[in-house]
Amino acid sequence: MTVETQEETYTIDEVLAAATPGHRLILWNDDTNTFEHVINCLMKHLQYTADEAEDIAWKVHTKGKCAVLEGSYTEVEVYRKILKSEGLTVSVD
């Protein structure tokens, strides 16, 4: 049995476009997590200050969601998995 494959080539611009920031990690409001837990997770994993994390928690509470990180897909996906393991509701946009 013979399998044929087609080689794909990319320009440097295509490679750089895929690696550049452009993806956002979105934190969603839910009925499960407390303000304290959300704030602690943001401080622990994303190095926000207590005041910044509290501001984000209030924004999520009042608006339903908030972007908490912007970067390459790989970077954002790593943090999505970390925050999800803490029980937070997150997605990549």
N, C-alpha and C. Protein backbone atom coordinates (compact mmCIF):
# COMPACT_ATOMS: atom_id res chain seq x y z
N MET A 1 0.85 -1.18 0.00
CA MET A 1 0.00 0.00 0.00
C MET A 1 0.89 1.24 0.00
N THR A 2 0.58 2.17 -0.87
CA THR A 2 1.36 3.39 -0.99
C THR A 2 0.52 4.57 -0.50
N VAL A 3 1.15 5.41 0.32
CA VAL A 3 0.47 6.60 0.81
C VAL A 3 1.19 7.81 0.25
N GLU A 4 0.44 8.66 -0.39
CA GLU A 4 1.03 9.87 -0.94
C GLU A 4 0.72 11.04 -0.01
N THR A 5 1.72 11.84 0.24
CA THR A 5 1.53 13.05 1.05
C THR A 5 1.98 14.24 0.26
N GLN A 6 1.41 15.34 0.60
CA GLN A 6 1.76 16.58 -0.08
C GLN A 6 2.52 17.45 0.91
N GLU A 7 3.65 17.95 0.52
CA GLU A 7 4.45 18.80 1.38
C GLU A 7 3.83 20.20 1.43
N GLU A 8 3.74 20.73 2.65
CA GLU A 8 3.20 22.08 2.81
C GLU A 8 4.36 23.03 3.09
N THR A 9 4.32 24.17 2.47
CA THR A 9 5.34 25.18 2.73
C THR A 9 4.66 26.45 3.21
N TYR A 10 5.36 27.17 4.06
CA TYR A 10 4.85 28.41 4.62
C TYR A 10 5.88 29.51 4.45
N THR A 11 5.39 30.71 4.25
CA THR A 11 6.29 31.86 4.20
C THR A 11 6.63 32.28 5.62
N ILE A 12 7.67 33.04 5.77
CA ILE A 12 8.05 33.54 7.09
C ILE A 12 6.93 34.40 7.68
N ASP A 13 6.23 35.15 6.85
CA ASP A 13 5.11 35.97 7.32
C ASP A 13 3.98 35.11 7.88
N GLU A 14 3.71 33.98 7.26
CA GLU A 14 2.67 33.08 7.76
C GLU A 14 3.06 32.46 9.10
N VAL A 15 4.31 32.10 9.23
CA VAL A 15 4.79 31.53 10.48
C VAL A 15 4.73 32.57 11.59
N LEU A 16 5.18 33.76 11.32
CA LEU A 16 5.17 34.83 12.34
C LEU A 16 3.75 35.22 12.71
N ALA A 17 2.85 35.23 11.75
CA ALA A 17 1.45 35.57 12.04
C ALA A 17 0.83 34.56 12.99
N ALA A 18 1.19 33.31 12.85
CA ALA A 18 0.65 32.27 13.74
C ALA A 18 1.25 32.36 15.14
N ALA A 19 2.44 32.91 15.25
CA ALA A 19 3.12 32.97 16.54
C ALA A 19 2.88 34.28 17.29
N THR A 20 2.33 35.26 16.63
CA THR A 20 2.15 36.56 17.28
C THR A 20 0.90 36.58 18.14
N PRO A 21 0.90 37.48 19.13
CA PRO A 21 -0.28 37.60 19.98
C PRO A 21 -1.51 37.90 19.14
N GLY A 22 -2.61 37.45 19.58
CA GLY A 22 -3.84 37.68 18.86
C GLY A 22 -4.96 36.85 19.46
N HIS A 23 -4.59 35.98 20.37
CA HIS A 23 -5.58 35.16 21.05
C HIS A 23 -5.76 35.69 22.46
N ARG A 24 -7.00 35.59 22.94
CA ARG A 24 -7.30 36.09 24.28
C ARG A 24 -7.86 34.97 25.14
N LEU A 25 -7.49 35.01 26.40
CA LEU A 25 -8.05 34.09 27.39
C LEU A 25 -9.20 34.81 28.07
N ILE A 26 -10.38 34.24 27.96
CA ILE A 26 -11.59 34.86 28.50
C ILE A 26 -12.00 34.13 29.77
N LEU A 27 -12.21 34.91 30.83
CA LEU A 27 -12.74 34.39 32.09
C LEU A 27 -14.22 34.71 32.13
N TRP A 28 -15.05 33.67 32.36
CA TRP A 28 -16.50 33.81 32.34
C TRP A 28 -17.07 33.78 33.74
N ASN A 29 -18.17 34.47 33.91
CA ASN A 29 -18.90 34.44 35.17
C ASN A 29 -19.56 33.07 35.33
N ASP A 30 -19.60 32.57 36.55
CA ASP A 30 -20.33 31.33 36.83
C ASP A 30 -20.91 31.41 38.23
N ASP A 31 -21.72 30.45 38.57
CA ASP A 31 -22.35 30.41 39.88
C ASP A 31 -21.60 29.52 40.85
N THR A 32 -20.40 29.10 40.49
CA THR A 32 -19.65 28.14 41.28
C THR A 32 -18.53 28.77 42.09
N ASN A 33 -17.74 29.62 41.46
CA ASN A 33 -16.53 30.14 42.09
C ASN A 33 -16.79 31.42 42.89
N THR A 34 -16.12 31.51 44.02
CA THR A 34 -16.24 32.70 44.86
C THR A 34 -15.29 33.79 44.34
N PHE A 35 -15.57 35.02 44.76
CA PHE A 35 -14.68 36.12 44.41
C PHE A 35 -13.27 35.81 44.91
N GLU A 36 -13.19 35.33 46.13
CA GLU A 36 -11.88 35.05 46.73
C GLU A 36 -11.09 34.03 45.91
N HIS A 37 -11.75 32.97 45.47
CA HIS A 37 -11.07 31.95 44.68
C HIS A 37 -10.59 32.52 43.34
N VAL A 38 -11.45 33.27 42.66
CA VAL A 38 -11.08 33.87 41.38
C VAL A 38 -9.89 34.81 41.56
N ILE A 39 -9.95 35.66 42.56
CA ILE A 39 -8.87 36.62 42.83
C ILE A 39 -7.56 35.88 43.12
N ASN A 40 -7.64 34.87 43.97
CA ASN A 40 -6.43 34.10 44.30
C ASN A 40 -5.83 33.42 43.08
N CYS A 41 -6.66 32.85 42.21
CA CYS A 41 -6.16 32.21 40.99
C CYS A 41 -5.49 33.21 40.05
N LEU A 42 -6.10 34.38 39.89
CA LEU A 42 -5.53 35.40 39.02
C LEU A 42 -4.18 35.88 39.55
N MET A 43 -4.07 36.01 40.85
CA MET A 43 -2.81 36.44 41.46
C MET A 43 -1.75 35.34 41.35
N LYS A 44 -2.14 34.12 41.63
CA LYS A 44 -1.20 32.99 41.64
C LYS A 44 -0.68 32.65 40.25
N HIS A 45 -1.57 32.57 39.28
CA HIS A 45 -1.18 32.06 37.97
C HIS A 45 -0.87 33.13 36.93
N LEU A 46 -1.49 34.30 37.05
CA LEU A 46 -1.27 35.36 36.06
C LEU A 46 -0.54 36.57 36.64
N GLN A 47 -0.12 36.46 37.89
CA GLN A 47 0.66 37.49 38.57
C GLN A 47 -0.01 38.86 38.61
N TYR A 48 -1.33 38.88 38.69
CA TYR A 48 -2.03 40.15 38.90
C TYR A 48 -1.87 40.56 40.36
N THR A 49 -1.89 41.86 40.63
CA THR A 49 -1.92 42.33 42.00
C THR A 49 -3.31 42.06 42.57
N ALA A 50 -3.44 42.17 43.88
CA ALA A 50 -4.73 41.95 44.52
C ALA A 50 -5.78 42.92 43.98
N ASP A 51 -5.40 44.18 43.82
CA ASP A 51 -6.34 45.18 43.31
C ASP A 51 -6.75 44.89 41.86
N GLU A 52 -5.77 44.53 41.03
CA GLU A 52 -6.08 44.21 39.63
C GLU A 52 -7.00 42.98 39.54
N ALA A 53 -6.69 41.96 40.33
CA ALA A 53 -7.49 40.73 40.31
C ALA A 53 -8.91 41.01 40.80
N GLU A 54 -9.05 41.86 41.80
CA GLU A 54 -10.38 42.20 42.30
C GLU A 54 -11.17 42.97 41.24
N ASP A 55 -10.51 43.89 40.56
CA ASP A 55 -11.17 44.64 39.48
C ASP A 55 -11.67 43.69 38.39
N ILE A 56 -10.85 42.71 38.02
CA ILE A 56 -11.23 41.74 37.01
C ILE A 56 -12.42 40.92 37.49
N ALA A 57 -12.38 40.47 38.75
CA ALA A 57 -13.48 39.67 39.31
C ALA A 57 -14.79 40.44 39.26
N TRP A 58 -14.75 41.73 39.59
CA TRP A 58 -15.97 42.54 39.53
C TRP A 58 -16.45 42.72 38.09
N LYS A 59 -15.51 42.91 37.17
CA LYS A 59 -15.89 43.06 35.76
C LYS A 59 -16.56 41.78 35.26
N VAL A 60 -15.99 40.63 35.60
CA VAL A 60 -16.59 39.35 35.21
C VAL A 60 -17.99 39.22 35.81
N HIS A 61 -18.12 39.60 37.07
CA HIS A 61 -19.41 39.50 37.76
C HIS A 61 -20.47 40.39 37.12
N THR A 62 -20.09 41.61 36.75
CA THR A 62 -21.08 42.56 36.23
C THR A 62 -21.30 42.44 34.72
N LYS A 63 -20.26 42.10 33.97
CA LYS A 63 -20.39 42.05 32.50
C LYS A 63 -20.48 40.64 31.95
N GLY A 64 -20.20 39.64 32.80
CA GLY A 64 -20.31 38.26 32.36
C GLY A 64 -19.03 37.62 31.90
N LYS A 65 -18.05 38.44 31.50
CA LYS A 65 -16.77 37.91 31.05
C LYS A 65 -15.73 39.01 31.02
N CYS A 66 -14.46 38.59 30.93
CA CYS A 66 -13.36 39.56 30.84
C CYS A 66 -12.14 38.85 30.25
N ALA A 67 -11.46 39.53 29.33
CA ALA A 67 -10.20 39.01 28.81
C ALA A 67 -9.13 39.21 29.88
N VAL A 68 -8.44 38.12 30.24
CA VAL A 68 -7.43 38.20 31.30
C VAL A 68 -6.01 38.02 30.80
N LEU A 69 -5.86 37.61 29.53
CA LEU A 69 -4.53 37.40 28.96
C LEU A 69 -4.63 37.46 27.45
N GLU A 70 -3.62 38.04 26.83
CA GLU A 70 -3.53 38.05 25.37
C GLU A 70 -2.15 37.56 24.99
N GLY A 71 -2.10 36.71 23.97
CA GLY A 71 -0.81 36.19 23.53
C GLY A 71 -0.98 35.20 22.41
N SER A 72 0.07 34.41 22.19
CA SER A 72 0.00 33.39 21.15
C SER A 72 -0.99 32.31 21.60
N TYR A 73 -1.47 31.54 20.64
CA TYR A 73 -2.42 30.50 20.98
C TYR A 73 -1.82 29.53 22.01
N THR A 74 -0.57 29.16 21.81
CA THR A 74 0.08 28.20 22.71
C THR A 74 0.13 28.73 24.14
N GLU A 75 0.54 29.98 24.30
CA GLU A 75 0.63 30.58 25.64
C GLU A 75 -0.75 30.65 26.29
N VAL A 76 -1.71 31.14 25.56
CA VAL A 76 -3.07 31.30 26.10
C VAL A 76 -3.67 29.94 26.46
N GLU A 77 -3.43 28.95 25.62
CA GLU A 77 -3.97 27.61 25.87
C GLU A 77 -3.37 26.99 27.14
N VAL A 78 -2.10 27.23 27.41
CA VAL A 78 -1.47 26.73 28.64
C VAL A 78 -2.19 27.31 29.86
N TYR A 79 -2.43 28.60 29.86
CA TYR A 79 -3.09 29.24 30.99
C TYR A 79 -4.57 28.85 31.07
N ARG A 80 -5.20 28.58 29.94
CA ARG A 80 -6.58 28.12 29.97
C ARG A 80 -6.67 26.80 30.73
N LYS A 81 -5.75 25.90 30.45
CA LYS A 81 -5.73 24.60 31.12
C LYS A 81 -5.46 24.76 32.61
N ILE A 82 -4.56 25.66 32.97
CA ILE A 82 -4.24 25.88 34.38
C ILE A 82 -5.46 26.42 35.12
N LEU A 83 -6.08 27.46 34.57
CA LEU A 83 -7.24 28.05 35.25
C LEU A 83 -8.43 27.09 35.26
N LYS A 84 -8.59 26.32 34.20
CA LYS A 84 -9.66 25.33 34.18
C LYS A 84 -9.44 24.29 35.26
N SER A 85 -8.19 23.89 35.49
CA SER A 85 -7.90 22.91 36.55
C SER A 85 -8.23 23.45 37.92
N GLU A 86 -8.26 24.77 38.05
CA GLU A 86 -8.65 25.42 39.30
C GLU A 86 -10.17 25.55 39.43
N GLY A 87 -10.88 25.14 38.38
CA GLY A 87 -12.34 25.18 38.42
C GLY A 87 -12.95 26.42 37.79
N LEU A 88 -12.12 27.30 37.23
CA LEU A 88 -12.65 28.51 36.61
C LEU A 88 -13.20 28.20 35.22
N THR A 89 -14.15 29.01 34.79
CA THR A 89 -14.75 28.85 33.46
C THR A 89 -14.01 29.79 32.52
N VAL A 90 -13.24 29.21 31.60
CA VAL A 90 -12.40 29.99 30.69
C VAL A 90 -12.49 29.46 29.27
N SER A 91 -12.19 30.33 28.32
CA SER A 91 -12.15 29.92 26.91
C SER A 91 -11.11 30.78 26.19
N VAL A 92 -10.74 30.32 25.00
CA VAL A 92 -9.79 31.07 24.16
C VAL A 92 -10.58 31.70 23.03
N ASP A 93 -10.34 32.98 22.81
CA ASP A 93 -11.02 33.74 21.76
C ASP A 93 -10.01 34.15 20.72
